[in-house]
N, C-alpha and C. Protein backbone atom coordinates (compact mmCIF):
# COMPACT_ATOMS: atom_id res chain seq x y z
N MET A 1 -42.30 -19.73 -13.55
CA MET A 1 -41.37 -19.03 -13.46
C MET A 1 -40.73 -19.58 -12.42
N VAL A 2 -38.98 -20.15 -11.97
CA VAL A 2 -38.84 -20.65 -10.96
C VAL A 2 -37.88 -19.76 -10.31
N THR A 3 -37.42 -19.55 -9.38
CA THR A 3 -36.46 -18.86 -8.18
C THR A 3 -35.88 -19.09 -7.81
N LEU A 4 -35.12 -18.87 -6.98
CA LEU A 4 -33.18 -19.80 -6.42
C LEU A 4 -33.70 -19.48 -4.97
N GLY A 5 -33.60 -20.75 -4.37
CA GLY A 5 -33.98 -21.67 -3.03
C GLY A 5 -32.95 -21.06 -2.08
N ASN A 6 -31.67 -22.13 -2.04
CA ASN A 6 -30.59 -21.53 -1.55
C ASN A 6 -29.47 -21.70 -2.34
N ILE A 7 -28.58 -20.97 -1.94
CA ILE A 7 -27.06 -20.90 -1.86
C ILE A 7 -26.69 -21.93 -0.90
N VAL A 8 -25.52 -23.17 -1.55
CA VAL A 8 -25.51 -24.21 -0.83
C VAL A 8 -24.06 -24.55 -0.73
N PHE A 9 -23.40 -24.07 0.66
CA PHE A 9 -21.86 -24.01 0.60
C PHE A 9 -21.58 -25.77 1.86
N TYR A 10 -20.70 -26.15 0.92
CA TYR A 10 -19.84 -27.47 1.89
C TYR A 10 -19.04 -26.91 2.82
N ALA A 11 -18.72 -27.21 4.06
CA ALA A 11 -18.02 -26.42 4.76
C ALA A 11 -17.42 -27.52 5.70
N GLU A 12 -16.16 -27.21 6.62
CA GLU A 12 -15.72 -28.01 7.66
C GLU A 12 -16.55 -27.42 8.70
N ASP A 13 -16.93 -26.53 9.14
CA ASP A 13 -17.05 -26.26 10.01
C ASP A 13 -18.58 -25.60 9.52
N PRO A 14 -19.93 -26.05 9.36
CA PRO A 14 -21.23 -25.69 8.51
C PRO A 14 -21.88 -24.32 9.82
N PRO A 15 -21.93 -24.91 10.88
CA PRO A 15 -22.40 -23.29 11.93
C PRO A 15 -21.48 -22.12 12.08
N ALA A 16 -19.88 -22.48 12.18
CA ALA A 16 -19.23 -21.52 11.77
C ALA A 16 -18.96 -20.85 10.99
N LEU A 17 -19.56 -20.96 9.51
CA LEU A 17 -19.52 -20.22 8.37
C LEU A 17 -20.83 -19.78 8.27
N ALA A 18 -22.09 -20.67 8.75
CA ALA A 18 -23.43 -19.88 8.55
C ALA A 18 -23.24 -18.72 9.58
N ARG A 19 -22.94 -18.46 10.73
CA ARG A 19 -22.39 -17.43 11.06
C ARG A 19 -21.51 -16.06 10.95
N PHE A 20 -20.48 -16.43 9.84
CA PHE A 20 -19.81 -15.51 9.29
C PHE A 20 -20.62 -14.60 8.01
N TRP A 21 -21.32 -15.49 7.18
CA TRP A 21 -22.49 -14.94 6.31
C TRP A 21 -23.69 -14.69 7.16
N SER A 22 -24.16 -15.26 7.93
CA SER A 22 -25.08 -14.76 8.81
C SER A 22 -24.81 -12.59 9.10
N ASP A 23 -22.92 -12.82 9.46
CA ASP A 23 -22.80 -11.15 10.06
C ASP A 23 -22.69 -10.53 8.25
N VAL A 24 -22.21 -11.22 7.30
CA VAL A 24 -21.98 -10.34 5.91
C VAL A 24 -23.00 -9.64 5.90
N PHE A 25 -24.12 -10.57 5.86
CA PHE A 25 -25.72 -9.69 5.47
C PHE A 25 -26.05 -9.27 6.89
N GLY A 26 -25.88 -9.11 7.86
CA GLY A 26 -26.62 -8.60 8.56
C GLY A 26 -27.77 -9.27 9.42
N TYR A 27 -28.14 -10.55 9.05
CA TYR A 27 -28.86 -11.74 9.15
C TYR A 27 -28.86 -12.36 10.58
N PRO A 28 -29.76 -12.05 11.89
CA PRO A 28 -29.76 -12.98 13.19
C PRO A 28 -29.20 -13.87 12.75
N TYR A 29 -28.22 -14.44 13.27
CA TYR A 29 -27.62 -16.15 13.29
C TYR A 29 -28.90 -17.06 14.17
N GLN A 30 -28.91 -17.86 13.31
CA GLN A 30 -30.02 -18.75 13.41
C GLN A 30 -29.17 -20.43 14.00
N GLU A 31 -29.57 -20.51 15.21
CA GLU A 31 -29.01 -21.84 15.49
C GLU A 31 -30.44 -22.72 15.35
N PHE A 32 -30.05 -24.30 15.27
CA PHE A 32 -31.06 -25.37 15.22
C PHE A 32 -31.74 -25.59 16.64
N GLU A 33 -32.54 -24.98 17.23
CA GLU A 33 -33.11 -25.11 18.50
C GLU A 33 -34.52 -24.40 18.70
N GLY A 34 -35.10 -24.93 20.06
CA GLY A 34 -36.62 -24.39 20.18
C GLY A 34 -37.61 -25.34 19.26
N VAL A 35 -38.60 -24.18 18.85
CA VAL A 35 -39.31 -24.94 17.85
C VAL A 35 -38.86 -26.06 16.65
N LEU A 36 -37.92 -25.18 16.03
CA LEU A 36 -37.24 -25.52 15.14
C LEU A 36 -36.70 -26.65 14.58
N LYS A 37 -35.64 -26.43 15.93
CA LYS A 37 -34.74 -28.03 16.22
C LYS A 37 -36.03 -29.20 16.32
N GLU A 38 -37.35 -28.86 17.20
CA GLU A 38 -38.12 -30.12 17.57
C GLU A 38 -38.88 -30.11 15.89
N GLN A 39 -39.35 -29.42 14.94
CA GLN A 39 -39.75 -29.66 13.69
C GLN A 39 -38.46 -30.47 13.03
N LEU A 40 -37.34 -29.96 12.62
CA LEU A 40 -36.45 -30.60 12.25
C LEU A 40 -36.46 -32.55 12.89
N LEU A 41 -35.91 -32.45 14.12
CA LEU A 41 -36.39 -33.40 15.02
C LEU A 41 -37.51 -34.58 14.52
N ALA A 42 -38.37 -33.95 14.44
CA ALA A 42 -39.94 -34.68 14.31
C ALA A 42 -39.85 -35.02 12.98
N SER A 43 -39.24 -34.57 12.12
CA SER A 43 -39.41 -34.95 10.45
C SER A 43 -38.43 -35.91 10.29
N GLY A 44 -37.07 -36.67 11.09
CA GLY A 44 -36.45 -37.50 11.11
C GLY A 44 -35.39 -37.21 10.85
N LEU A 45 -34.74 -36.20 10.73
CA LEU A 45 -33.09 -35.40 11.43
C LEU A 45 -32.92 -36.05 12.39
N THR A 46 -31.39 -36.20 12.86
CA THR A 46 -30.79 -36.29 14.04
C THR A 46 -30.04 -35.64 14.60
N GLU A 47 -30.00 -35.56 15.77
CA GLU A 47 -28.91 -34.75 16.29
C GLU A 47 -27.58 -33.93 15.86
N PRO A 48 -26.90 -35.27 15.05
CA PRO A 48 -25.78 -34.96 14.53
C PRO A 48 -25.72 -33.87 13.17
N ASP A 49 -27.42 -34.68 12.22
CA ASP A 49 -27.60 -33.70 11.34
C ASP A 49 -27.72 -32.88 11.86
N LEU A 50 -28.01 -31.97 12.69
CA LEU A 50 -28.38 -30.81 13.08
C LEU A 50 -26.68 -29.82 13.34
N THR A 51 -25.90 -30.89 13.76
CA THR A 51 -24.75 -30.29 14.33
C THR A 51 -23.51 -30.33 13.24
N SER A 52 -23.92 -30.92 12.09
CA SER A 52 -23.67 -30.82 10.67
C SER A 52 -23.80 -29.89 9.84
N ARG A 53 -24.76 -28.87 10.22
CA ARG A 53 -25.40 -27.83 9.23
C ARG A 53 -25.29 -26.26 10.30
N GLY A 54 -25.88 -25.80 8.81
CA GLY A 54 -25.92 -24.47 9.48
C GLY A 54 -26.85 -23.65 8.29
N LEU A 55 -27.41 -22.22 9.16
CA LEU A 55 -28.41 -21.78 8.03
C LEU A 55 -28.05 -20.56 7.91
N ALA A 56 -27.77 -19.58 7.01
CA ALA A 56 -27.76 -18.17 7.14
C ALA A 56 -29.33 -17.45 6.28
N GLU A 57 -30.01 -16.94 6.69
CA GLU A 57 -31.64 -16.33 5.82
C GLU A 57 -32.14 -15.29 6.85
N ASP A 58 -32.19 -14.60 5.67
CA ASP A 58 -32.75 -13.27 5.83
C ASP A 58 -33.96 -13.25 6.48
N PRO A 59 -34.65 -12.78 7.80
CA PRO A 59 -35.91 -13.19 8.19
C PRO A 59 -36.85 -12.61 7.92
N GLN A 60 -36.38 -11.23 6.63
CA GLN A 60 -37.64 -10.77 6.02
C GLN A 60 -37.83 -11.62 4.48
N GLY A 61 -37.15 -12.71 4.23
CA GLY A 61 -37.20 -13.10 2.95
C GLY A 61 -36.73 -12.26 1.93
N VAL A 62 -35.62 -11.26 1.74
CA VAL A 62 -35.93 -10.60 0.80
C VAL A 62 -34.33 -11.24 -0.30
N GLY A 63 -33.51 -11.35 1.18
CA GLY A 63 -32.10 -11.56 0.66
C GLY A 63 -32.13 -13.05 0.21
N PRO A 64 -30.48 -13.58 -0.18
CA PRO A 64 -30.23 -14.76 -0.22
C PRO A 64 -30.32 -15.49 1.42
N ARG A 65 -30.52 -16.86 0.61
CA ARG A 65 -30.60 -18.03 1.98
C ARG A 65 -30.00 -18.69 1.37
N MET A 66 -28.85 -19.06 2.54
CA MET A 66 -27.44 -19.91 2.29
C MET A 66 -27.48 -21.04 3.53
N PHE A 67 -27.47 -22.38 2.76
CA PHE A 67 -27.45 -23.54 3.61
C PHE A 67 -26.12 -24.41 3.88
N PHE A 68 -25.47 -24.54 4.59
CA PHE A 68 -24.45 -25.00 5.08
C PHE A 68 -24.60 -26.46 5.52
N HIS A 69 -23.64 -26.87 4.72
CA HIS A 69 -23.63 -28.92 4.96
C HIS A 69 -21.92 -29.10 4.78
N HIS A 70 -21.86 -30.59 6.13
CA HIS A 70 -20.56 -30.60 6.11
C HIS A 70 -19.52 -31.37 5.07
N ALA A 71 -18.63 -30.87 5.01
CA ALA A 71 -17.69 -31.52 3.37
C ALA A 71 -17.16 -32.69 4.18
N ASP A 72 -16.93 -33.57 2.68
CA ASP A 72 -16.06 -34.54 2.74
C ASP A 72 -14.96 -34.36 3.07
N GLY A 73 -14.44 -33.07 2.96
CA GLY A 73 -13.17 -32.92 2.96
C GLY A 73 -12.44 -31.57 2.58
N PRO A 74 -11.28 -31.20 3.11
CA PRO A 74 -11.17 -29.54 2.65
C PRO A 74 -11.40 -29.22 1.26
N LYS A 75 -11.68 -27.92 1.42
CA LYS A 75 -11.71 -27.29 0.13
C LYS A 75 -10.09 -27.10 -0.51
N THR A 76 -9.97 -27.67 -1.64
CA THR A 76 -9.31 -27.33 -2.64
C THR A 76 -9.29 -26.95 -4.04
N GLY A 77 -8.41 -26.01 -4.68
CA GLY A 77 -8.60 -25.25 -5.90
C GLY A 77 -9.28 -24.54 -5.70
N ARG A 78 -9.61 -23.50 -6.83
CA ARG A 78 -10.47 -22.57 -7.00
C ARG A 78 -12.02 -22.88 -6.77
N ASN A 79 -12.93 -21.62 -6.48
CA ASN A 79 -14.34 -21.85 -6.60
C ASN A 79 -14.56 -21.99 -8.31
N ARG A 80 -15.74 -23.02 -8.38
CA ARG A 80 -16.53 -22.97 -9.71
C ARG A 80 -17.41 -22.07 -9.71
N ILE A 81 -17.80 -21.07 -8.62
CA ILE A 81 -18.66 -20.07 -8.93
C ILE A 81 -18.50 -19.31 -7.53
N HIS A 82 -18.93 -18.15 -7.75
CA HIS A 82 -18.93 -17.36 -6.57
C HIS A 82 -19.88 -16.21 -6.46
N LEU A 83 -19.86 -15.73 -4.69
CA LEU A 83 -20.86 -14.92 -4.87
C LEU A 83 -20.12 -13.66 -4.86
N ASP A 84 -20.95 -12.30 -5.73
CA ASP A 84 -20.49 -11.18 -5.82
C ASP A 84 -21.58 -10.22 -4.42
N ILE A 85 -20.55 -9.58 -3.38
CA ILE A 85 -21.31 -8.97 -2.63
C ILE A 85 -21.47 -7.36 -3.25
N THR A 86 -22.10 -6.77 -3.19
CA THR A 86 -22.82 -5.14 -3.62
C THR A 86 -22.50 -3.98 -2.38
N VAL A 87 -22.04 -3.41 -2.26
CA VAL A 87 -21.89 -2.38 -1.06
C VAL A 87 -22.38 -1.28 -1.92
N PRO A 88 -23.63 -0.68 -1.20
CA PRO A 88 -24.46 0.40 -1.89
C PRO A 88 -23.51 1.85 -1.99
N ARG A 89 -24.27 2.12 -3.01
CA ARG A 89 -23.60 3.69 -3.75
C ARG A 89 -23.74 4.58 -2.84
N ASP A 90 -23.94 4.39 -1.93
CA ASP A 90 -24.46 6.03 -0.94
C ASP A 90 -23.56 6.45 0.50
N GLY A 91 -23.44 7.13 0.98
CA GLY A 91 -22.74 7.61 2.17
C GLY A 91 -21.69 8.59 1.60
N PRO A 92 -20.66 8.78 2.61
CA PRO A 92 -19.81 9.62 2.56
C PRO A 92 -18.58 9.01 1.65
N GLY A 93 -17.64 9.59 1.08
CA GLY A 93 -16.63 9.24 0.55
C GLY A 93 -16.33 8.54 -0.88
N SER A 94 -15.22 8.40 -1.13
CA SER A 94 -15.15 7.44 -2.87
C SER A 94 -16.08 6.66 -2.62
N ARG A 95 -15.68 5.45 -3.97
CA ARG A 95 -16.39 4.46 -3.82
C ARG A 95 -15.05 3.68 -3.52
N LEU A 96 -13.81 3.77 -3.51
CA LEU A 96 -12.80 3.14 -2.81
C LEU A 96 -12.54 3.29 -1.98
N GLU A 97 -13.61 4.10 -0.69
CA GLU A 97 -13.22 4.49 0.19
C GLU A 97 -14.12 3.44 1.19
N GLN A 98 -15.62 3.95 0.60
CA GLN A 98 -16.60 2.76 0.78
C GLN A 98 -16.48 1.02 0.82
N LEU A 99 -15.60 0.98 -0.38
CA LEU A 99 -15.44 -0.59 -0.23
C LEU A 99 -14.57 -1.08 0.54
N ASP A 100 -13.50 -0.01 0.93
CA ASP A 100 -12.01 -0.19 1.72
C ASP A 100 -12.71 -0.35 2.90
N ALA A 101 -13.59 0.44 3.66
CA ALA A 101 -14.69 0.47 4.84
C ALA A 101 -15.34 -1.32 5.12
N GLU A 102 -15.88 -1.41 3.99
CA GLU A 102 -16.49 -2.76 4.08
C GLU A 102 -15.67 -3.63 4.06
N LYS A 103 -14.80 -3.67 3.24
CA LYS A 103 -13.73 -5.09 3.03
C LYS A 103 -13.16 -4.96 4.67
N GLU A 104 -12.71 -4.01 5.52
CA GLU A 104 -12.24 -3.66 6.63
C GLU A 104 -13.13 -4.53 7.61
N ARG A 105 -14.81 -4.09 7.48
CA ARG A 105 -15.52 -5.00 8.43
C ARG A 105 -15.53 -6.56 8.01
N LEU A 106 -15.78 -6.96 6.75
CA LEU A 106 -15.14 -8.14 6.39
C LEU A 106 -14.30 -9.08 6.98
N VAL A 107 -13.09 -8.36 6.90
CA VAL A 107 -11.72 -8.77 7.81
C VAL A 107 -11.97 -8.87 9.13
N ALA A 108 -12.55 -8.22 9.38
CA ALA A 108 -12.55 -8.89 11.63
C ALA A 108 -13.97 -9.60 11.16
N LEU A 109 -14.48 -9.69 10.73
CA LEU A 109 -15.70 -11.03 11.09
C LEU A 109 -14.73 -12.17 10.18
N GLY A 110 -13.23 -12.53 9.65
CA GLY A 110 -12.67 -13.33 9.10
C GLY A 110 -12.57 -13.63 7.77
N ALA A 111 -12.76 -12.70 6.86
CA ALA A 111 -12.55 -12.58 5.49
C ALA A 111 -11.15 -12.46 5.60
N SER A 112 -10.70 -12.87 4.20
CA SER A 112 -8.81 -12.53 3.60
C SER A 112 -8.94 -12.03 2.65
N VAL A 113 -8.16 -10.67 2.37
CA VAL A 113 -8.30 -10.29 1.08
C VAL A 113 -6.92 -11.09 0.33
N VAL A 114 -8.18 -11.04 -0.94
CA VAL A 114 -6.82 -11.65 -1.98
C VAL A 114 -6.12 -10.69 -3.35
N ARG A 115 -7.01 -9.48 -2.99
CA ARG A 115 -6.26 -8.63 -4.21
C ARG A 115 -7.51 -7.82 -4.25
N LEU A 116 -7.08 -6.26 -4.43
CA LEU A 116 -8.07 -5.17 -5.09
C LEU A 116 -8.29 -5.33 -7.15
N VAL A 117 -8.87 -5.38 -7.69
CA VAL A 117 -9.18 -5.12 -9.16
C VAL A 117 -9.60 -3.69 -9.43
N ASP A 118 -9.12 -3.08 -9.96
CA ASP A 118 -9.09 -1.83 -10.66
C ASP A 118 -9.00 -1.35 -11.76
N GLN A 119 -9.76 -1.63 -12.62
CA GLN A 119 -9.55 -1.62 -13.91
C GLN A 119 -10.84 -1.84 -14.60
N GLN A 120 -10.24 -1.98 -16.30
CA GLN A 120 -11.53 -1.78 -17.42
C GLN A 120 -11.80 -2.78 -18.19
N TRP A 121 -13.03 -3.24 -18.25
CA TRP A 121 -13.21 -4.40 -18.78
C TRP A 121 -14.25 -4.02 -19.82
N GLY A 122 -13.41 -3.95 -21.01
CA GLY A 122 -14.14 -3.00 -22.15
C GLY A 122 -14.93 -1.86 -21.93
N PRO A 123 -15.81 -1.71 -22.22
CA PRO A 123 -16.42 -0.52 -21.52
C PRO A 123 -17.05 -0.14 -20.24
N TRP A 124 -16.92 -1.18 -19.51
CA TRP A 124 -17.33 -1.02 -18.36
C TRP A 124 -16.05 -1.28 -16.95
N PRO A 125 -16.37 0.14 -16.29
CA PRO A 125 -14.88 -0.02 -15.07
C PRO A 125 -15.29 -0.97 -14.14
N GLU A 126 -14.34 -2.09 -13.61
CA GLU A 126 -14.35 -2.54 -12.63
C GLU A 126 -13.40 -2.28 -11.04
N LEU A 127 -13.99 -2.24 -10.03
CA LEU A 127 -13.12 -1.93 -8.71
C LEU A 127 -13.87 -2.86 -7.74
N TYR A 128 -12.97 -3.48 -7.33
CA TYR A 128 -13.50 -4.91 -6.62
C TYR A 128 -12.61 -5.64 -5.62
N TYR A 129 -12.76 -5.85 -4.31
CA TYR A 129 -12.07 -6.63 -3.89
C TYR A 129 -12.44 -8.09 -4.14
N GLN A 130 -10.99 -9.08 -4.50
CA GLN A 130 -11.70 -10.12 -4.31
C GLN A 130 -10.99 -10.86 -2.68
N LEU A 131 -12.23 -11.70 -2.12
CA LEU A 131 -11.85 -12.21 -0.38
C LEU A 131 -12.17 -13.60 -0.46
N ARG A 132 -11.96 -13.58 0.31
CA ARG A 132 -12.03 -15.35 0.80
C ARG A 132 -12.76 -15.58 2.38
N ASP A 133 -13.66 -16.25 2.80
CA ASP A 133 -14.02 -16.62 3.67
C ASP A 133 -13.45 -17.20 4.71
N PRO A 134 -13.84 -17.64 5.73
CA PRO A 134 -12.94 -18.18 6.66
C PRO A 134 -12.50 -19.53 6.21
N GLU A 135 -12.89 -20.36 5.53
CA GLU A 135 -12.64 -21.49 4.80
C GLU A 135 -12.44 -21.83 3.46
N GLY A 136 -12.17 -19.93 2.94
CA GLY A 136 -11.05 -20.00 1.54
C GLY A 136 -11.99 -20.19 0.55
N ASN A 137 -13.20 -20.02 0.50
CA ASN A 137 -14.10 -19.84 -0.63
C ASN A 137 -14.21 -18.46 -1.31
N GLU A 138 -13.70 -17.85 -2.10
CA GLU A 138 -13.45 -16.67 -3.08
C GLU A 138 -14.92 -16.22 -2.88
N PHE A 139 -15.08 -14.54 -2.98
CA PHE A 139 -16.14 -14.17 -3.01
C PHE A 139 -15.88 -12.32 -3.44
N CYS A 140 -16.11 -12.00 -4.24
CA CYS A 140 -15.78 -10.57 -4.43
C CYS A 140 -17.11 -9.21 -3.65
N LEU A 141 -16.48 -8.25 -3.48
CA LEU A 141 -16.81 -7.52 -2.78
C LEU A 141 -16.94 -6.19 -3.56
N GLN A 142 -18.26 -5.70 -4.26
CA GLN A 142 -17.94 -4.64 -5.79
C GLN A 142 -18.66 -2.90 -4.79
């Protein structure tokens, strides 16, 4: 059976976008330094290779691993794929209050709000925020 390896983003500033997504998921930010940097350089990568990449990785290996690579140009148009970020359904407040609190945290990290969607899709209720990361990549907070 196959498994998901990386979710890869092309970015204008890969280290900065890696820092944003690390903060979204609560991962410690990883710089390419120390032993990791030595291993990467020994494998044939160069200093410019390292400065044009970023990594957001769950240290426990449970959550998604995201890799960030320098883009050839700025993002134009809508994403062909996006991430859905799920807020746990525990704690105080209504579902909308829980989403609002997490939305505010993500906005403070650099996300921007596109819209709130509150509708039915057939038999399924939909309540989520459509957001953009600091480089304009759309994602949903549900």
